[in-house]
Amino acid sequence: MASSPIRIGLLGVGHLGKIHLKLLKEVSDFQLVGFFDPNPEVAKTVSDQFDIKAFSDFEALLDEVDAVDIVAPTTQHFECAKRSLQRGKHLFVEKPVTQTLEEAEGLIKLHHQYSDLKFQVGHVERFNPAFLAVQDRELTPMFIEGHRLAMYNPRGTDVSVVLDLMIHDLDVVLSMVDSPVREISASGVAVVSDSPDIANARIEFENGCVANLTASRISIKNMRRLRFFQRNTYLAVDFLQKQAEVFRLSDAPEEAAPMKFEFNNGKKTQWLVFEQPEVKEVNSIKMELEEFGKSILTDAPIRVGLNAGYQALRVAHEIVDRIQEGFDRVAANNQ
């Protein structure tokens, strides 16, 4: 177990990497030793801007740290995570955890050999204040509907919108539905890039729950919203606006409820209660980094571990495969 402060290094100082760099300097459990970025011009600029050491290579960085925060392109995740584990370093890896399932499976096998090392995956929506605001609810959803829409940005279009955007909602849904996936159907369209820019997936679970998710990066507006339906309760989480709403049935009028409506369903009188849970202001990225540090120091469980990252990636790839099968059928019919 590491002593405080934990010496940590950062890999990759692109757009998100610079955000991590800034926040790591603010987390008291960490001592940010420095970073490595393969682009020397970018490294010098960021080093001067943040007054932090830029290492000449990744191995030199590993020599000086207890933990590594990997915010490099996904194609580099596997090799850098592998080298970090083999050098005995705790790991925080941005989502998706790896580019391929085989790589993720390789890291799982390797991590078994270094089980004392913490491995966290950066699925940041688990730390969204609106989602945190409903964690005390008894949630057993049987239907989930999600929309994650973004205005066009060339950054990220080298991969499918499923791996770019939808994977956020996949992780949240899989964390809430305590049942194996039974069947997946999906469709998508490549509109402005070479991979799907809009996709819809229907995920059926063994317990009967169904999740219908849509992701698009060619929308005229931004939206990040999930709605959960279960017996006697409807719950909406707006990840973008950081708001949550709960509608639930009650057999008795609740004086403390902010809003309620009486109705009779023909059998008995009930009350439909509307609530807006308090959403506390938090920096989600900073919070996940703080939890990473606490887990190292206190051996606390990781909220979003390597297996969770793998499961989200597995479902994402199956969705991508279903979409590709649809493309192949269309191509075959047009021959």
Protein backbone atom coordinates (compact mmCIF):
# COMPACT_ATOMS: atom_id res chain seq x y z
CA MET A 1 0.00 0.00 0.00
CA ALA A 2 1.38 3.38 -1.02
CA SER A 3 2.02 6.15 1.49
CA SER A 4 0.67 9.64 0.98
CA PRO A 5 1.22 11.50 -1.23
CA ILE A 6 1.12 9.09 -4.15
CA ARG A 7 3.64 9.92 -6.85
CA ILE A 8 1.69 9.90 -10.10
CA GLY A 9 2.59 10.47 -13.74
CA LEU A 10 0.39 11.35 -16.68
CA LEU A 11 0.56 9.87 -20.17
CA GLY A 12 -0.86 12.08 -22.91
CA VAL A 13 -1.60 15.82 -22.74
CA GLY A 14 -4.19 16.27 -25.45
CA HIS A 15 -7.48 18.06 -24.71
CA LEU A 16 -8.57 15.67 -21.94
CA GLY A 17 -5.01 15.05 -20.78
CA LYS A 18 -4.53 18.72 -19.95
CA ILE A 19 -7.72 18.65 -17.89
CA HIS A 20 -6.39 15.65 -15.96
CA LEU A 21 -3.04 17.36 -15.50
CA LYS A 22 -4.65 20.45 -14.00
CA LEU A 23 -6.87 18.43 -11.65
CA LEU A 24 -4.14 16.05 -10.52
CA LYS A 25 -2.26 19.08 -9.19
CA GLU A 26 -5.33 19.85 -7.05
CA VAL A 27 -5.84 16.36 -5.55
CA SER A 28 -4.08 16.31 -2.20
CA ASP A 29 -3.40 12.56 -2.22
CA PHE A 30 -1.27 12.90 -5.35
CA GLN A 31 2.12 14.37 -6.07
CA LEU A 32 2.17 14.97 -9.80
CA VAL A 33 5.73 14.10 -10.80
CA GLY A 34 5.36 14.89 -14.48
CA PHE A 35 4.02 13.66 -17.80
CA PHE A 36 5.09 12.09 -21.06
CA ASP A 37 3.76 12.99 -24.49
CA PRO A 38 5.42 11.73 -27.68
CA ASN A 39 5.02 15.10 -29.40
CA PRO A 40 8.02 17.18 -28.23
CA GLU A 41 6.49 20.51 -29.25
CA VAL A 42 3.26 19.78 -27.37
CA ALA A 43 5.25 18.51 -24.39
CA LYS A 44 7.32 21.70 -24.16
CA THR A 45 4.29 23.95 -24.49
CA VAL A 46 2.35 22.10 -21.78
CA SER A 47 5.40 21.87 -19.52
CA ASP A 48 5.88 25.64 -19.71
CA GLN A 49 2.17 26.37 -19.32
CA PHE A 50 1.63 24.18 -16.24
CA ASP A 51 5.15 24.36 -14.80
CA ILE A 52 5.44 20.57 -14.69
CA LYS A 53 8.23 18.29 -15.85
CA ALA A 54 7.95 16.65 -19.29
CA PHE A 55 9.74 13.28 -19.37
CA SER A 56 11.73 12.25 -22.42
CA ASP A 57 10.17 8.78 -22.60
CA PHE A 58 7.54 6.65 -20.88
CA GLU A 59 9.99 4.32 -19.15
CA ALA A 60 11.73 7.30 -17.53
CA LEU A 61 8.36 8.41 -16.18
CA LEU A 62 7.66 4.93 -14.80
CA ASP A 63 10.95 5.03 -12.91
CA GLU A 64 9.69 7.95 -10.80
CA VAL A 65 6.06 7.13 -9.97
CA ASP A 66 3.74 4.87 -7.95
CA ALA A 67 0.74 5.31 -10.26
CA VAL A 68 0.01 6.24 -13.87
CA ASP A 69 -2.91 8.13 -15.40
CA ILE A 70 -3.26 7.10 -19.07
CA VAL A 71 -5.08 9.67 -21.20
CA ALA A 72 -3.35 8.78 -24.45
CA PRO A 73 -5.13 7.68 -27.66
CA THR A 74 -6.98 4.39 -27.19
CA THR A 75 -4.59 2.62 -29.56
CA GLN A 76 -1.83 3.11 -26.97
CA HIS A 77 -3.79 2.00 -23.89
CA PHE A 78 -2.94 -1.70 -23.97
CA GLU A 79 0.82 -1.45 -24.40
CA CYS A 80 1.22 1.36 -21.87
CA ALA A 81 -1.08 -0.27 -19.32
CA LYS A 82 0.76 -3.57 -19.75
CA ARG A 83 4.14 -1.95 -19.18
CA SER A 84 2.80 -0.06 -16.15
CA LEU A 85 1.41 -3.20 -14.51
CA GLN A 86 4.64 -5.08 -15.14
CA ARG A 87 6.49 -2.23 -13.43
CA GLY A 88 4.14 -2.43 -10.40
CA LYS A 89 2.18 0.78 -10.97
CA HIS A 90 -1.42 1.52 -10.02
CA LEU A 91 -3.43 2.48 -13.09
CA PHE A 92 -6.11 4.91 -14.12
CA VAL A 93 -7.01 4.42 -17.82
CA GLU A 94 -9.45 6.60 -19.72
CA LYS A 95 -12.36 4.95 -21.51
CA PRO A 96 -12.54 2.87 -23.60
CA VAL A 97 -10.10 0.77 -21.62
CA THR A 98 -8.50 -0.67 -24.79
CA GLN A 99 -9.10 -0.69 -28.52
CA THR A 100 -9.96 -4.40 -28.79
CA LEU A 101 -11.56 -7.04 -26.60
CA GLU A 102 -8.48 -9.21 -26.91
CA GLU A 103 -6.37 -6.41 -25.46
CA ALA A 104 -8.77 -5.94 -22.54
CA GLU A 105 -8.77 -9.68 -21.88
CA GLY A 106 -4.98 -9.61 -21.91
CA LEU A 107 -4.96 -6.87 -19.28
CA ILE A 108 -7.43 -8.80 -17.12
CA LYS A 109 -5.14 -11.85 -17.17
CA LEU A 110 -2.10 -9.72 -16.42
CA HIS A 111 -3.87 -7.86 -13.62
CA HIS A 112 -4.58 -11.20 -11.91
CA GLN A 113 -0.81 -11.50 -11.50
CA TYR A 114 -0.66 -8.02 -9.94
CA SER A 115 -3.93 -8.07 -8.00
CA ASP A 116 -2.55 -5.75 -5.32
CA LEU A 117 -2.45 -2.93 -7.88
CA LYS A 118 -5.51 -0.71 -8.33
CA PHE A 119 -6.91 -0.43 -11.86
CA GLN A 120 -9.60 2.16 -12.53
CA VAL A 121 -11.29 2.97 -15.86
CA GLY A 122 -12.41 6.52 -16.60
CA HIS A 123 -16.13 6.13 -17.17
CA VAL A 124 -16.79 9.59 -15.80
CA GLU A 125 -20.60 9.56 -16.00
CA ARG A 126 -20.66 7.30 -12.94
CA PHE A 127 -19.48 10.41 -11.08
CA ASN A 128 -21.93 12.81 -12.72
CA PRO A 129 -23.70 14.71 -9.90
CA ALA A 130 -27.15 14.02 -11.40
CA PHE A 131 -26.47 10.27 -11.40
CA LEU A 132 -24.99 10.42 -7.89
CA ALA A 133 -28.17 12.17 -6.71
CA VAL A 134 -30.29 9.07 -7.34
CA GLN A 135 -27.91 6.45 -5.97
CA ASP A 136 -29.90 6.17 -2.73
CA ARG A 137 -33.01 5.08 -4.67
CA GLU A 138 -34.02 1.46 -5.01
CA LEU A 139 -33.43 1.11 -8.74
CA THR A 140 -34.50 -2.03 -10.57
CA PRO A 141 -35.32 -0.67 -14.05
CA MET A 142 -37.17 -2.81 -16.57
CA PHE A 143 -37.02 -0.35 -19.46
CA ILE A 144 -34.30 2.22 -20.11
CA GLU A 145 -34.24 4.84 -22.84
CA GLY A 146 -31.19 6.93 -23.58
CA HIS A 147 -30.19 9.71 -25.94
CA ARG A 148 -26.61 10.96 -26.19
CA LEU A 149 -26.43 13.55 -28.96
CA ALA A 150 -23.55 15.83 -29.84
CA MET A 151 -22.94 18.51 -32.44
CA TYR A 152 -20.34 17.53 -35.02
CA ASN A 153 -16.70 17.67 -33.98
CA PRO A 154 -13.96 16.09 -36.14
CA ARG A 155 -12.18 14.92 -32.98
CA GLY A 156 -13.21 11.32 -32.28
CA THR A 157 -14.58 10.47 -35.71
CA ASP A 158 -11.83 7.90 -36.27
CA VAL A 159 -14.00 5.42 -34.34
CA SER A 160 -17.68 4.52 -34.35
CA VAL A 161 -20.07 6.74 -32.40
CA VAL A 162 -20.72 3.63 -30.30
CA LEU A 163 -17.17 3.63 -28.94
CA ASP A 164 -16.98 7.42 -28.90
CA LEU A 165 -20.27 8.32 -27.17
CA MET A 166 -22.65 5.43 -26.55
CA ILE A 167 -20.13 3.57 -24.39
CA HIS A 168 -20.79 6.12 -21.61
CA ASP A 169 -24.43 5.03 -21.40
CA LEU A 170 -23.54 1.37 -21.79
CA ASP A 171 -21.39 1.54 -18.67
CA VAL A 172 -24.15 3.27 -16.67
CA VAL A 173 -26.81 0.80 -17.82
CA LEU A 174 -24.65 -2.24 -17.11
CA SER A 175 -23.93 -0.88 -13.63
CA MET A 176 -27.66 -0.67 -12.90
CA VAL A 177 -29.03 -3.87 -14.43
CA ASP A 178 -27.99 -6.89 -12.39
CA SER A 179 -28.51 -9.41 -15.18
CA PRO A 180 -26.55 -10.84 -18.13
CA VAL A 181 -27.18 -9.50 -21.64
CA ARG A 182 -29.36 -11.90 -23.62
CA GLU A 183 -29.60 -10.31 -27.05
CA ILE A 184 -28.48 -7.19 -28.90
CA SER A 185 -29.85 -5.66 -32.08
CA ALA A 186 -28.52 -2.46 -33.60
CA SER A 187 -28.44 -0.23 -36.64
CA GLY A 188 -26.39 2.77 -37.64
CA VAL A 189 -25.47 5.11 -40.46
CA ALA A 190 -22.12 6.59 -41.51
CA VAL A 191 -23.18 10.09 -42.56
CA VAL A 192 -20.07 12.27 -42.61
CA SER A 193 -17.26 9.87 -41.65
CA ASP A 194 -16.16 6.35 -42.51
CA SER A 195 -17.70 4.86 -39.37
CA PRO A 196 -21.25 5.14 -37.95
CA ASP A 197 -22.11 8.68 -36.87
CA ILE A 198 -25.54 7.76 -35.55
CA ALA A 199 -26.48 4.46 -33.96
CA ASN A 200 -29.36 2.84 -32.12
CA ALA A 201 -29.07 -0.29 -30.02
CA ARG A 202 -31.67 -2.44 -28.29
CA ILE A 203 -30.17 -4.47 -25.46
CA GLU A 204 -32.27 -7.23 -23.89
CA PHE A 205 -31.26 -8.69 -20.53
CA GLU A 206 -32.02 -12.11 -19.07
CA ASN A 207 -34.26 -10.59 -16.39
CA GLY A 208 -36.50 -8.98 -19.03
CA CYS A 209 -35.10 -5.47 -18.85
CA VAL A 210 -34.69 -3.70 -22.19
CA ALA A 211 -32.43 -0.72 -22.90
CA ASN A 212 -32.96 1.33 -26.04
CA LEU A 213 -30.00 3.65 -26.61
CA THR A 214 -29.36 6.22 -29.33
CA ALA A 215 -26.11 8.06 -29.92
CA SER A 216 -25.38 10.68 -32.57
CA ARG A 217 -22.49 13.07 -33.27
CA ILE A 218 -24.30 14.99 -36.00
CA SER A 219 -27.06 16.55 -33.94
CA ILE A 220 -28.06 20.20 -34.00
CA LYS A 221 -28.05 20.20 -30.18
CA ASN A 222 -26.30 18.41 -27.34
CA MET A 223 -28.18 15.95 -25.15
CA ARG A 224 -27.08 13.37 -22.56
CA ARG A 225 -30.16 11.86 -20.98
CA LEU A 226 -31.22 8.49 -19.60
CA ARG A 227 -34.72 7.57 -18.45
CA PHE A 228 -35.46 4.58 -16.23
CA PHE A 229 -38.85 2.89 -15.87
CA GLN A 230 -39.75 0.36 -13.22
CA ARG A 231 -42.75 -0.69 -11.18
CA ASN A 232 -44.27 2.42 -9.55
CA THR A 233 -41.32 4.66 -10.49
CA TYR A 234 -40.10 6.72 -13.45
CA LEU A 235 -36.72 8.40 -13.12
CA ALA A 236 -34.91 10.75 -15.51
CA VAL A 237 -31.24 11.71 -15.30
CA ASP A 238 -29.97 14.61 -17.39
CA PHE A 239 -26.17 14.21 -17.44
CA LEU A 240 -25.69 17.43 -19.42
CA GLN A 241 -27.91 19.77 -17.39
CA LYS A 242 -27.03 17.89 -14.18
CA GLN A 243 -30.63 17.43 -13.12
CA ALA A 244 -32.67 14.46 -11.92
CA GLU A 245 -36.43 13.93 -11.76
CA VAL A 246 -38.40 11.20 -10.02
CA PHE A 247 -42.07 10.31 -10.46
CA ARG A 248 -43.31 7.58 -8.16
CA LEU A 249 -46.59 6.12 -6.92
CA SER A 250 -47.43 6.31 -3.24
CA ASP A 251 -50.32 4.74 -1.34
CA ALA A 252 -50.48 7.66 1.06
CA PRO A 253 -50.23 11.44 0.63
CA GLU A 254 -46.77 12.63 1.61
CA GLU A 255 -46.85 16.05 3.18
CA ALA A 256 -43.13 16.62 2.60
CA ALA A 257 -43.33 15.88 -1.13
CA PRO A 258 -42.85 19.06 -3.22
CA MET A 259 -45.56 18.05 -5.69
CA LYS A 260 -48.19 15.28 -5.71
CA PHE A 261 -51.32 14.39 -7.67
CA GLU A 262 -54.19 12.26 -6.43
CA PHE A 263 -55.78 9.76 -8.83
CA ASN A 264 -57.86 6.61 -8.75
CA ASN A 265 -57.01 3.68 -11.01
CA GLY A 266 -60.37 2.00 -10.48
CA LYS A 267 -59.10 -0.14 -7.62
CA LYS A 268 -57.73 2.32 -5.10
CA THR A 269 -56.67 5.90 -4.63
CA GLN A 270 -52.98 6.62 -4.98
CA TRP A 271 -50.73 9.63 -5.24
CA LEU A 272 -48.25 10.41 -7.99
CA VAL A 273 -45.33 12.11 -6.28
CA PHE A 274 -42.87 14.29 -8.18
CA GLU A 275 -39.42 15.03 -6.75
CA GLN A 276 -36.23 16.68 -7.90
CA PRO A 277 -33.40 15.15 -5.83
CA GLU A 278 -30.75 17.56 -4.65
CA VAL A 279 -27.83 17.58 -7.07
CA LYS A 280 -24.60 18.57 -5.37
CA GLU A 281 -22.03 20.48 -7.39
CA VAL A 282 -18.98 18.31 -8.03
CA ASN A 283 -16.22 18.12 -10.61
CA SER A 284 -16.77 14.59 -11.94
CA ILE A 285 -13.25 14.08 -13.30
CA LYS A 286 -11.68 15.37 -10.11
CA MET A 287 -13.95 13.15 -8.05
CA GLU A 288 -13.00 10.00 -9.96
CA LEU A 289 -9.31 10.86 -9.58
CA GLU A 290 -9.81 11.49 -5.86
CA GLU A 291 -11.47 8.09 -5.49
CA PHE A 292 -8.57 6.50 -7.35
CA GLY A 293 -6.16 8.01 -4.83
CA LYS A 294 -8.27 6.97 -1.85
CA SER A 295 -8.52 3.40 -3.15
CA ILE A 296 -4.72 3.19 -3.32
CA LEU A 297 -4.23 4.61 0.16
CA THR A 298 -7.04 2.75 1.96
CA ASP A 299 -7.46 -0.34 -0.25
CA ALA A 300 -11.09 0.70 -0.86
CA PRO A 301 -12.93 -1.00 -3.75
CA ILE A 302 -12.77 0.60 -7.18
CA ARG A 303 -16.16 1.87 -8.36
CA VAL A 304 -15.31 1.44 -12.07
CA GLY A 305 -12.72 -1.30 -12.27
CA LEU A 306 -11.09 -3.15 -15.13
CA ASN A 307 -13.91 -5.68 -15.41
CA ALA A 308 -16.52 -2.91 -15.69
CA GLY A 309 -14.46 -1.30 -18.44
CA TYR A 310 -14.23 -4.64 -20.22
CA GLN A 311 -17.98 -5.32 -20.01
CA ALA A 312 -18.85 -1.92 -21.49
CA LEU A 313 -16.31 -2.49 -24.27
CA ARG A 314 -17.65 -5.99 -24.95
CA VAL A 315 -21.23 -4.78 -25.41
CA ALA A 316 -20.02 -1.81 -27.48
CA HIS A 317 -18.15 -4.10 -29.86
CA GLU A 318 -21.15 -6.39 -30.20
CA ILE A 319 -23.25 -3.38 -31.15
CA VAL A 320 -20.62 -2.37 -33.71
CA ASP A 321 -20.71 -5.93 -35.09
CA ARG A 322 -24.52 -5.86 -35.41
CA ILE A 323 -24.31 -2.55 -37.28
CA GLN A 324 -21.62 -3.94 -39.61
CA GLU A 325 -23.79 -6.98 -40.33
CA GLY A 326 -26.53 -4.57 -41.42
CA PHE A 327 -24.09 -2.77 -43.70
CA ASP A 328 -23.01 -6.11 -45.20
CA ARG A 329 -26.63 -7.16 -45.88
CA VAL A 330 -27.33 -3.88 -47.68
CA ALA A 331 -24.16 -4.26 -49.76
CA ALA A 332 -25.04 -7.85 -50.67
CA ASN A 333 -28.56 -6.88 -51.73
CA ASN A 334 -27.22 -4.08 -53.94
CA GLN A 335 -24.89 -6.38 -55.87
